[in-house]
N, C-alpha and C. Protein backbone atom coordinates (compact mmCIF):
# COMPACT_ATOMS: atom_id res chain seq x y z
N MET A 1 -68.90 125.08 78.99
CA MET A 1 -68.57 123.66 78.98
C MET A 1 -67.32 123.45 78.14
N SER A 2 -66.47 122.55 78.57
CA SER A 2 -65.22 122.29 77.88
C SER A 2 -65.44 121.44 76.64
N ASP A 3 -64.54 121.60 75.72
CA ASP A 3 -64.57 120.85 74.49
C ASP A 3 -63.86 119.51 74.72
N ILE A 4 -64.19 118.52 73.91
CA ILE A 4 -63.56 117.20 74.06
C ILE A 4 -62.05 117.30 73.88
N LYS A 5 -61.59 118.28 73.12
CA LYS A 5 -60.15 118.45 72.91
C LYS A 5 -59.41 118.64 74.23
N ASP A 6 -60.11 119.29 75.18
CA ASP A 6 -59.51 119.52 76.50
C ASP A 6 -59.30 118.21 77.28
N TYR A 7 -59.99 117.17 76.86
CA TYR A 7 -59.95 115.90 77.58
C TYR A 7 -59.17 114.80 76.85
N LEU A 8 -58.69 115.08 75.66
CA LEU A 8 -58.02 114.06 74.87
C LEU A 8 -56.82 113.45 75.58
N LYS A 9 -56.06 114.28 76.31
CA LYS A 9 -54.89 113.75 77.01
C LYS A 9 -55.31 112.72 78.05
N TYR A 10 -56.48 112.89 78.66
CA TYR A 10 -56.94 111.94 79.67
C TYR A 10 -57.36 110.62 79.03
N PHE A 11 -57.94 110.70 77.84
CA PHE A 11 -58.24 109.47 77.11
C PHE A 11 -56.94 108.73 76.76
N ARG A 12 -55.92 109.48 76.35
CA ARG A 12 -54.63 108.86 76.02
C ARG A 12 -54.00 108.21 77.25
N ILE A 13 -54.05 108.89 78.39
CA ILE A 13 -53.47 108.34 79.62
C ILE A 13 -54.12 107.00 79.96
N LEU A 14 -55.44 106.91 79.75
CA LEU A 14 -56.15 105.67 80.06
C LEU A 14 -56.17 104.69 78.88
N GLU A 15 -55.48 105.07 77.80
CA GLU A 15 -55.30 104.21 76.63
C GLU A 15 -56.63 103.78 76.01
N ILE A 16 -57.52 104.75 75.83
CA ILE A 16 -58.83 104.49 75.24
C ILE A 16 -59.18 105.57 74.23
N LYS A 17 -60.14 105.26 73.38
CA LYS A 17 -60.60 106.22 72.38
C LYS A 17 -61.67 107.13 72.98
N PRO A 18 -61.79 108.35 72.47
CA PRO A 18 -62.76 109.30 73.03
C PRO A 18 -64.22 108.92 72.85
N ASP A 19 -64.54 107.98 71.99
CA ASP A 19 -65.95 107.66 71.75
C ASP A 19 -66.46 106.46 72.54
N VAL A 20 -65.69 106.00 73.52
CA VAL A 20 -66.11 104.82 74.29
C VAL A 20 -67.13 105.20 75.36
N PRO A 21 -67.99 104.25 75.75
CA PRO A 21 -68.90 104.55 76.86
C PRO A 21 -68.14 104.66 78.17
N PHE A 22 -68.75 105.29 79.15
CA PHE A 22 -68.07 105.51 80.43
C PHE A 22 -67.65 104.20 81.09
N SER A 23 -68.40 103.14 80.89
CA SER A 23 -68.05 101.85 81.50
C SER A 23 -66.66 101.40 81.05
N GLU A 24 -66.27 101.71 79.81
CA GLU A 24 -64.93 101.36 79.34
C GLU A 24 -63.86 102.26 79.95
N VAL A 25 -64.21 103.50 80.22
CA VAL A 25 -63.28 104.42 80.90
C VAL A 25 -62.96 103.83 82.26
N ARG A 26 -64.00 103.44 82.98
CA ARG A 26 -63.83 102.87 84.32
C ARG A 26 -63.03 101.57 84.28
N SER A 27 -63.36 100.70 83.35
CA SER A 27 -62.64 99.42 83.23
C SER A 27 -61.15 99.63 82.95
N SER A 28 -60.87 100.54 82.03
CA SER A 28 -59.48 100.82 81.70
C SER A 28 -58.74 101.39 82.89
N TYR A 29 -59.38 102.32 83.60
CA TYR A 29 -58.76 102.91 84.79
C TYR A 29 -58.45 101.83 85.83
N LEU A 30 -59.42 100.99 86.13
CA LEU A 30 -59.22 99.95 87.14
C LEU A 30 -58.11 98.97 86.73
N HIS A 31 -58.10 98.63 85.46
CA HIS A 31 -57.07 97.71 84.95
C HIS A 31 -55.67 98.32 85.06
N LEU A 32 -55.53 99.55 84.59
CA LEU A 32 -54.22 100.20 84.62
C LEU A 32 -53.76 100.50 86.05
N ARG A 33 -54.70 100.89 86.89
CA ARG A 33 -54.36 101.15 88.29
C ARG A 33 -53.83 99.87 88.95
N GLU A 34 -54.49 98.76 88.69
CA GLU A 34 -54.06 97.48 89.23
C GLU A 34 -52.68 97.11 88.68
N LEU A 35 -52.50 97.33 87.41
CA LEU A 35 -51.23 97.00 86.76
C LEU A 35 -50.07 97.78 87.38
N TYR A 36 -50.26 99.09 87.56
CA TYR A 36 -49.16 99.93 88.04
C TYR A 36 -49.01 99.97 89.57
N SER A 37 -50.00 99.49 90.28
CA SER A 37 -49.88 99.54 91.73
C SER A 37 -49.65 98.16 92.34
N SER A 38 -49.57 97.14 91.50
CA SER A 38 -49.44 95.77 92.01
C SER A 38 -48.01 95.27 91.85
N ARG A 39 -47.48 94.75 92.93
CA ARG A 39 -46.13 94.15 92.91
C ARG A 39 -46.21 92.66 92.56
N GLY A 40 -47.36 92.05 92.74
CA GLY A 40 -47.48 90.62 92.53
C GLY A 40 -47.97 90.23 91.16
N SER A 41 -48.00 91.15 90.23
CA SER A 41 -48.53 90.83 88.90
C SER A 41 -47.49 90.08 88.07
N ALA A 42 -47.95 89.59 86.94
CA ALA A 42 -47.07 88.86 86.02
C ALA A 42 -45.98 89.78 85.49
N LEU A 43 -46.21 91.07 85.54
CA LEU A 43 -45.25 92.05 85.05
C LEU A 43 -44.34 92.57 86.16
N SER A 44 -44.27 91.85 87.26
CA SER A 44 -43.53 92.37 88.41
C SER A 44 -42.07 92.63 88.09
N SER A 45 -41.46 91.84 87.21
CA SER A 45 -40.06 92.09 86.88
C SER A 45 -39.91 93.43 86.14
N MET A 46 -40.87 93.71 85.27
CA MET A 46 -40.85 95.00 84.58
C MET A 46 -41.09 96.13 85.57
N MET A 47 -41.99 95.90 86.51
CA MET A 47 -42.34 96.92 87.48
C MET A 47 -41.17 97.20 88.43
N GLU A 48 -40.32 96.21 88.67
CA GLU A 48 -39.17 96.43 89.54
C GLU A 48 -38.21 97.44 88.94
N THR A 49 -38.14 97.49 87.61
CA THR A 49 -37.25 98.44 86.96
C THR A 49 -37.82 99.86 87.01
N LEU A 50 -39.09 99.96 87.25
CA LEU A 50 -39.75 101.25 87.35
C LEU A 50 -39.67 101.69 88.81
N ALA A 51 -39.07 102.82 89.04
CA ALA A 51 -38.91 103.32 90.41
C ALA A 51 -40.27 103.46 91.08
N GLU A 52 -40.29 103.21 92.38
CA GLU A 52 -41.55 103.25 93.12
C GLU A 52 -42.21 104.62 93.04
N ASP A 53 -41.41 105.68 93.10
CA ASP A 53 -42.00 107.01 93.01
C ASP A 53 -42.59 107.27 91.63
N LYS A 54 -42.01 106.67 90.59
CA LYS A 54 -42.56 106.80 89.24
C LYS A 54 -43.90 106.05 89.16
N GLN A 55 -43.98 104.88 89.80
CA GLN A 55 -45.23 104.12 89.84
C GLN A 55 -46.32 104.95 90.51
N VAL A 56 -45.98 105.56 91.63
CA VAL A 56 -46.94 106.39 92.36
C VAL A 56 -47.40 107.55 91.47
N GLU A 57 -46.48 108.15 90.76
CA GLU A 57 -46.81 109.25 89.86
C GLU A 57 -47.78 108.79 88.76
N ILE A 58 -47.51 107.62 88.20
CA ILE A 58 -48.38 107.08 87.14
C ILE A 58 -49.77 106.81 87.69
N VAL A 59 -49.84 106.20 88.87
CA VAL A 59 -51.14 105.90 89.48
C VAL A 59 -51.91 107.20 89.75
N GLU A 60 -51.20 108.23 90.19
CA GLU A 60 -51.85 109.54 90.41
C GLU A 60 -52.37 110.13 89.10
N GLN A 61 -51.60 109.98 88.02
CA GLN A 61 -52.04 110.47 86.70
C GLN A 61 -53.28 109.70 86.24
N LEU A 62 -53.29 108.41 86.48
CA LEU A 62 -54.44 107.59 86.11
C LEU A 62 -55.69 108.06 86.86
N LYS A 63 -55.53 108.32 88.15
CA LYS A 63 -56.65 108.76 88.98
C LYS A 63 -57.16 110.13 88.50
N GLU A 64 -56.23 111.04 88.21
CA GLU A 64 -56.64 112.35 87.71
C GLU A 64 -57.39 112.21 86.38
N ALA A 65 -56.87 111.37 85.49
CA ALA A 65 -57.52 111.16 84.19
C ALA A 65 -58.93 110.59 84.38
N TYR A 66 -59.05 109.62 85.27
CA TYR A 66 -60.36 109.03 85.54
C TYR A 66 -61.32 110.07 86.10
N ASP A 67 -60.86 110.83 87.08
CA ASP A 67 -61.73 111.84 87.70
C ASP A 67 -62.17 112.90 86.69
N ARG A 68 -61.25 113.35 85.85
CA ARG A 68 -61.59 114.38 84.85
C ARG A 68 -62.56 113.82 83.80
N LEU A 69 -62.35 112.57 83.39
CA LEU A 69 -63.25 111.98 82.41
C LEU A 69 -64.62 111.69 83.02
N LYS A 70 -64.64 111.36 84.28
CA LYS A 70 -65.93 111.17 84.97
C LYS A 70 -66.70 112.48 84.95
N GLU A 71 -66.00 113.58 85.22
CA GLU A 71 -66.57 114.92 85.15
C GLU A 71 -67.11 115.21 83.75
N TYR A 72 -66.29 114.90 82.75
CA TYR A 72 -66.66 115.13 81.36
C TYR A 72 -67.92 114.36 80.98
N TYR A 73 -67.97 113.08 81.35
CA TYR A 73 -69.14 112.26 81.01
C TYR A 73 -70.38 112.74 81.76
N ALA A 74 -70.22 113.22 82.98
CA ALA A 74 -71.35 113.75 83.74
C ALA A 74 -71.90 115.00 83.04
N LEU A 75 -71.01 115.88 82.60
CA LEU A 75 -71.44 117.08 81.88
C LEU A 75 -72.14 116.71 80.57
N GLU A 76 -71.56 115.76 79.86
CA GLU A 76 -72.16 115.30 78.60
C GLU A 76 -73.54 114.72 78.85
N SER A 77 -73.65 113.95 79.91
CA SER A 77 -74.93 113.32 80.24
C SER A 77 -75.98 114.37 80.56
N LYS A 78 -75.60 115.40 81.31
CA LYS A 78 -76.55 116.47 81.64
C LYS A 78 -76.97 117.22 80.38
N GLN A 79 -76.01 117.45 79.49
CA GLN A 79 -76.34 118.14 78.24
C GLN A 79 -77.26 117.26 77.39
N LYS A 80 -76.98 115.97 77.37
CA LYS A 80 -77.79 115.03 76.61
C LYS A 80 -79.21 114.97 77.18
N THR A 81 -79.33 115.13 78.49
CA THR A 81 -80.63 115.11 79.14
C THR A 81 -81.51 116.23 78.62
N SER A 82 -80.95 117.42 78.43
CA SER A 82 -81.76 118.52 77.93
C SER A 82 -82.25 118.23 76.51
N VAL A 83 -81.44 117.56 75.73
CA VAL A 83 -81.86 117.16 74.39
C VAL A 83 -82.92 116.07 74.51
N THR A 84 -82.77 115.17 75.46
CA THR A 84 -83.71 114.07 75.63
C THR A 84 -85.10 114.60 75.94
N ARG A 85 -85.20 115.64 76.76
CA ARG A 85 -86.51 116.21 77.12
C ARG A 85 -87.29 116.57 75.86
N GLU A 86 -86.61 117.16 74.88
CA GLU A 86 -87.26 117.57 73.64
C GLU A 86 -87.62 116.38 72.76
N THR A 87 -86.83 115.33 72.85
CA THR A 87 -87.07 114.19 71.97
C THR A 87 -87.95 113.11 72.58
N VAL A 88 -88.23 113.20 73.88
CA VAL A 88 -89.05 112.17 74.53
C VAL A 88 -90.42 112.09 73.87
N SER A 89 -90.98 113.25 73.56
CA SER A 89 -92.31 113.25 72.95
C SER A 89 -92.31 112.58 71.58
N ASN A 90 -91.16 112.54 70.92
CA ASN A 90 -91.07 111.90 69.61
C ASN A 90 -90.87 110.38 69.71
N GLN A 91 -90.48 109.90 70.86
CA GLN A 91 -90.25 108.47 71.05
C GLN A 91 -91.56 107.77 71.36
N ARG A 92 -91.63 106.53 71.00
CA ARG A 92 -92.81 105.73 71.34
C ARG A 92 -92.55 105.06 72.68
N ILE A 93 -92.78 105.82 73.74
CA ILE A 93 -92.58 105.33 75.09
C ILE A 93 -93.76 104.42 75.44
N PRO A 94 -93.48 103.22 75.91
CA PRO A 94 -94.60 102.35 76.32
C PRO A 94 -95.37 103.01 77.47
N GLU A 95 -96.68 102.86 77.47
CA GLU A 95 -97.49 103.42 78.56
C GLU A 95 -97.74 102.33 79.59
N PHE A 96 -97.70 102.73 80.84
CA PHE A 96 -97.89 101.79 81.94
C PHE A 96 -98.95 102.33 82.88
N GLU A 97 -99.85 101.44 83.31
CA GLU A 97 -100.82 101.82 84.33
C GLU A 97 -100.14 101.89 85.68
N VAL A 98 -99.21 100.96 85.89
CA VAL A 98 -98.45 100.89 87.14
C VAL A 98 -96.98 100.84 86.78
N PHE A 99 -96.20 101.70 87.41
CA PHE A 99 -94.77 101.72 87.14
C PHE A 99 -94.04 100.77 88.07
N SER A 100 -93.18 99.97 87.47
CA SER A 100 -92.36 99.00 88.20
C SER A 100 -90.91 99.22 87.79
N GLY A 101 -90.03 98.46 88.38
CA GLY A 101 -88.63 98.53 87.99
C GLY A 101 -88.46 98.15 86.52
N GLU A 102 -89.19 97.14 86.10
CA GLU A 102 -89.13 96.68 84.70
C GLU A 102 -89.62 97.79 83.76
N ALA A 103 -90.66 98.51 84.16
CA ALA A 103 -91.17 99.62 83.34
C ALA A 103 -90.10 100.70 83.18
N LEU A 104 -89.43 101.03 84.28
CA LEU A 104 -88.36 102.04 84.21
C LEU A 104 -87.25 101.59 83.27
N ARG A 105 -86.88 100.32 83.36
CA ARG A 105 -85.84 99.78 82.48
C ARG A 105 -86.27 99.88 81.02
N LEU A 106 -87.50 99.46 80.72
CA LEU A 106 -87.98 99.50 79.34
C LEU A 106 -88.00 100.92 78.78
N ILE A 107 -88.46 101.87 79.58
CA ILE A 107 -88.50 103.27 79.14
C ILE A 107 -87.08 103.77 78.88
N ARG A 108 -86.17 103.45 79.79
CA ARG A 108 -84.77 103.88 79.62
C ARG A 108 -84.20 103.30 78.33
N GLU A 109 -84.48 102.04 78.05
CA GLU A 109 -83.96 101.40 76.85
C GLU A 109 -84.57 101.98 75.58
N VAL A 110 -85.87 102.30 75.61
CA VAL A 110 -86.51 102.93 74.45
C VAL A 110 -85.84 104.28 74.16
N LEU A 111 -85.48 104.99 75.21
CA LEU A 111 -84.81 106.28 75.05
C LEU A 111 -83.33 106.13 74.70
N LYS A 112 -82.86 104.89 74.67
CA LYS A 112 -81.46 104.58 74.34
C LYS A 112 -80.49 105.26 75.31
N ILE A 113 -80.82 105.15 76.60
CA ILE A 113 -79.99 105.73 77.64
C ILE A 113 -79.34 104.59 78.42
N GLU A 114 -78.04 104.64 78.56
CA GLU A 114 -77.31 103.64 79.34
C GLU A 114 -77.53 103.90 80.82
N LEU A 115 -77.54 102.85 81.61
CA LEU A 115 -77.72 102.99 83.06
C LEU A 115 -76.60 103.83 83.66
N GLU A 116 -75.41 103.72 83.11
CA GLU A 116 -74.27 104.51 83.59
C GLU A 116 -74.53 106.01 83.40
N GLU A 117 -75.22 106.38 82.31
CA GLU A 117 -75.56 107.78 82.08
C GLU A 117 -76.51 108.28 83.16
N VAL A 118 -77.48 107.43 83.52
CA VAL A 118 -78.43 107.81 84.58
C VAL A 118 -77.67 108.02 85.88
N ALA A 119 -76.76 107.10 86.19
CA ALA A 119 -75.97 107.19 87.42
C ALA A 119 -75.16 108.48 87.46
N LEU A 120 -74.51 108.80 86.36
CA LEU A 120 -73.69 110.02 86.31
C LEU A 120 -74.54 111.27 86.44
N ALA A 121 -75.67 111.31 85.77
CA ALA A 121 -76.50 112.51 85.76
C ALA A 121 -77.25 112.72 87.06
N THR A 122 -77.64 111.63 87.73
CA THR A 122 -78.47 111.76 88.93
C THR A 122 -77.68 111.63 90.22
N GLY A 123 -76.50 111.04 90.15
CA GLY A 123 -75.72 110.80 91.36
C GLY A 123 -76.16 109.56 92.11
N ILE A 124 -77.09 108.81 91.54
CA ILE A 124 -77.54 107.56 92.16
C ILE A 124 -76.54 106.47 91.82
N PRO A 125 -76.02 105.75 92.81
CA PRO A 125 -75.06 104.69 92.50
C PRO A 125 -75.63 103.66 91.50
N HIS A 126 -74.79 103.26 90.58
CA HIS A 126 -75.17 102.32 89.52
C HIS A 126 -75.83 101.07 90.09
N ARG A 127 -75.28 100.51 91.17
CA ARG A 127 -75.82 99.26 91.72
C ARG A 127 -77.24 99.46 92.24
N HIS A 128 -77.55 100.64 92.78
CA HIS A 128 -78.90 100.91 93.26
C HIS A 128 -79.88 101.03 92.09
N LEU A 129 -79.43 101.64 91.00
CA LEU A 129 -80.29 101.72 89.81
C LEU A 129 -80.58 100.33 89.27
N GLN A 130 -79.57 99.48 89.23
CA GLN A 130 -79.78 98.10 88.79
C GLN A 130 -80.79 97.39 89.68
N ASN A 131 -80.64 97.56 90.99
CA ASN A 131 -81.54 96.90 91.93
C ASN A 131 -82.95 97.48 91.89
N ILE A 132 -83.07 98.77 91.59
CA ILE A 132 -84.40 99.37 91.41
C ILE A 132 -85.07 98.72 90.21
N GLU A 133 -84.35 98.61 89.10
CA GLU A 133 -84.93 98.01 87.90
C GLU A 133 -85.27 96.53 88.10
N LYS A 134 -84.46 95.81 88.82
CA LYS A 134 -84.70 94.38 89.08
C LYS A 134 -85.71 94.16 90.20
N GLU A 135 -86.03 95.22 90.90
CA GLU A 135 -86.86 95.16 92.10
C GLU A 135 -86.25 94.20 93.13
N ALA A 136 -84.95 94.30 93.25
CA ALA A 136 -84.20 93.52 94.24
C ALA A 136 -84.23 94.33 95.54
N TYR A 137 -85.40 94.35 96.16
CA TYR A 137 -85.64 95.21 97.31
C TYR A 137 -84.69 94.95 98.47
N ASP A 138 -84.34 93.70 98.67
CA ASP A 138 -83.45 93.36 99.80
C ASP A 138 -82.03 93.87 99.60
N GLN A 139 -81.70 94.31 98.39
CA GLN A 139 -80.37 94.84 98.12
C GLN A 139 -80.36 96.37 98.00
N LEU A 140 -81.49 96.98 98.27
CA LEU A 140 -81.60 98.43 98.21
C LEU A 140 -81.36 99.04 99.59
N PRO A 141 -81.01 100.32 99.62
CA PRO A 141 -80.80 101.00 100.91
C PRO A 141 -82.14 101.21 101.63
N PRO A 142 -82.14 101.87 102.78
CA PRO A 142 -83.38 102.12 103.53
C PRO A 142 -84.43 102.86 102.68
N LEU A 143 -85.67 102.74 103.11
CA LEU A 143 -86.83 103.24 102.37
C LEU A 143 -86.73 104.71 101.94
N GLY A 144 -86.22 105.56 102.81
CA GLY A 144 -86.08 106.98 102.47
C GLY A 144 -85.21 107.19 101.24
N TYR A 145 -84.14 106.42 101.15
CA TYR A 145 -83.26 106.50 99.99
C TYR A 145 -83.95 105.96 98.74
N ILE A 146 -84.66 104.85 98.91
CA ILE A 146 -85.36 104.27 97.76
C ILE A 146 -86.33 105.30 97.18
N LYS A 147 -87.09 105.94 98.05
CA LYS A 147 -88.06 106.95 97.61
C LYS A 147 -87.36 108.07 96.84
N ALA A 148 -86.27 108.59 97.39
CA ALA A 148 -85.53 109.67 96.73
C ALA A 148 -84.94 109.21 95.40
N PHE A 149 -84.37 108.01 95.38
CA PHE A 149 -83.74 107.50 94.15
C PHE A 149 -84.77 107.27 93.05
N VAL A 150 -85.91 106.67 93.39
CA VAL A 150 -86.94 106.40 92.38
C VAL A 150 -87.49 107.72 91.84
N ARG A 151 -87.68 108.67 92.72
CA ARG A 151 -88.18 109.99 92.31
C ARG A 151 -87.19 110.66 91.33
N LYS A 152 -85.92 110.63 91.70
CA LYS A 152 -84.89 111.24 90.85
C LYS A 152 -84.80 110.52 89.49
N TYR A 153 -84.90 109.19 89.53
CA TYR A 153 -84.85 108.39 88.30
C TYR A 153 -86.04 108.74 87.41
N ALA A 154 -87.24 108.86 87.99
CA ALA A 154 -88.44 109.22 87.23
C ALA A 154 -88.28 110.60 86.60
N GLU A 155 -87.76 111.54 87.37
CA GLU A 155 -87.54 112.89 86.84
C GLU A 155 -86.57 112.85 85.66
N PHE A 156 -85.52 112.04 85.80
CA PHE A 156 -84.53 111.93 84.72
C PHE A 156 -85.19 111.41 83.44
N LEU A 157 -86.14 110.48 83.59
CA LEU A 157 -86.82 109.91 82.43
C LEU A 157 -88.03 110.74 81.99
N PHE A 158 -88.25 111.91 82.64
CA PHE A 158 -89.34 112.81 82.31
C PHE A 158 -90.70 112.15 82.52
N LEU A 159 -90.80 111.39 83.58
CA LEU A 159 -92.06 110.76 83.97
C LEU A 159 -92.62 111.54 85.16
N ASP A 160 -93.85 111.27 85.51
CA ASP A 160 -94.46 111.90 86.67
C ASP A 160 -93.82 111.31 87.93
N PRO A 161 -92.95 112.07 88.61
CA PRO A 161 -92.22 111.50 89.74
C PRO A 161 -93.11 111.01 90.88
N ALA A 162 -94.20 111.73 91.14
CA ALA A 162 -95.10 111.32 92.22
C ALA A 162 -95.76 109.99 91.89
N LYS A 163 -96.26 109.82 90.68
CA LYS A 163 -96.93 108.57 90.26
C LYS A 163 -95.95 107.41 90.27
N VAL A 164 -94.78 107.61 89.69
CA VAL A 164 -93.79 106.53 89.61
C VAL A 164 -93.36 106.11 91.02
N THR A 165 -93.05 107.08 91.85
CA THR A 165 -92.60 106.79 93.22
C THR A 165 -93.70 106.07 94.00
N ASP A 166 -94.92 106.56 93.90
CA ASP A 166 -96.04 105.94 94.60
C ASP A 166 -96.24 104.49 94.14
N ASP A 167 -96.25 104.26 92.83
CA ASP A 167 -96.41 102.90 92.30
C ASP A 167 -95.30 101.97 92.78
N TYR A 168 -94.08 102.47 92.69
CA TYR A 168 -92.92 101.64 93.07
C TYR A 168 -92.97 101.30 94.56
N LEU A 169 -93.28 102.28 95.39
CA LEU A 169 -93.31 102.04 96.83
C LEU A 169 -94.47 101.12 97.24
N LYS A 170 -95.57 101.16 96.50
CA LYS A 170 -96.67 100.22 96.76
C LYS A 170 -96.21 98.78 96.47
N ARG A 171 -95.50 98.61 95.38
CA ARG A 171 -94.97 97.28 95.04
C ARG A 171 -93.98 96.83 96.13
N TYR A 172 -93.16 97.75 96.58
CA TYR A 172 -92.19 97.48 97.64
C TYR A 172 -92.91 97.03 98.91
N ALA A 173 -93.95 97.78 99.29
CA ALA A 173 -94.71 97.47 100.51
C ALA A 173 -95.40 96.11 100.39
N ASN A 174 -96.00 95.84 99.23
CA ASN A 174 -96.66 94.55 99.02
C ASN A 174 -95.67 93.40 99.12
N ARG A 175 -94.51 93.59 98.61
CA ARG A 175 -93.47 92.54 98.66
C ARG A 175 -93.08 92.28 100.12
N HIS A 176 -92.93 93.36 100.90
CA HIS A 176 -92.57 93.19 102.31
C HIS A 176 -93.68 92.53 103.11
N LYS A 177 -94.94 92.84 102.80
CA LYS A 177 -96.06 92.20 103.49
C LYS A 177 -96.05 90.70 103.23
N ARG A 178 -95.89 90.33 101.96
CA ARG A 178 -95.85 88.90 101.61
C ARG A 178 -94.67 88.21 102.24
N LYS A 179 -93.51 88.87 102.21
CA LYS A 179 -92.30 88.28 102.76
C LYS A 179 -92.43 88.07 104.27
N ASN A 180 -92.99 89.07 104.97
CA ASN A 180 -93.16 88.97 106.42
C ASN A 180 -94.22 87.94 106.81
N ARG A 181 -95.21 87.75 105.98
CA ARG A 181 -96.26 86.78 106.25
C ARG A 181 -95.70 85.36 106.27
N PHE A 182 -94.70 85.11 105.42
CA PHE A 182 -94.15 83.76 105.32
C PHE A 182 -92.89 83.54 106.15
N SER A 183 -92.42 84.57 106.81
CA SER A 183 -91.21 84.40 107.64
C SER A 183 -91.61 84.05 109.06
N PHE A 184 -90.79 83.27 109.70
CA PHE A 184 -91.09 82.82 111.07
C PHE A 184 -90.12 83.40 112.04
């Protein structure tokens, strides 16, 4: 695994400190990319003095920095996960008879894990994790994906994946039954 020193230049390119959460890396990248690739910005007069090929080069550097830091945070998250497995038993994780999206959120927060870390480590898109926790079923992908995502999320939190997935899908099914009963 690479040392943070190998990534310092990418933090500098994105004009951020190395200790920021990944959400700030993404925000900085999006902001700078918009700044350097936009002709209609308030800085357009300054941008006119910058040759178009130089702008393209800067945008490419920003993209490379973002991609490399995304890699770095994913590796860090996986390494942190192995430490989390050992420390889960030391945490006072709330016990649930039935697992719901809210239960998953509470457990994640007790473990002090950011949703972005879960997304990076599992490959589950951030928006789907949010919708799983909110039980925003109508905003989730098809059932097969939901099952796989909930299972992966449960594994990440060191919960019984079969129990969590079963509980979550029962809640999903009950919601659909109620919703279909009242729709015309």
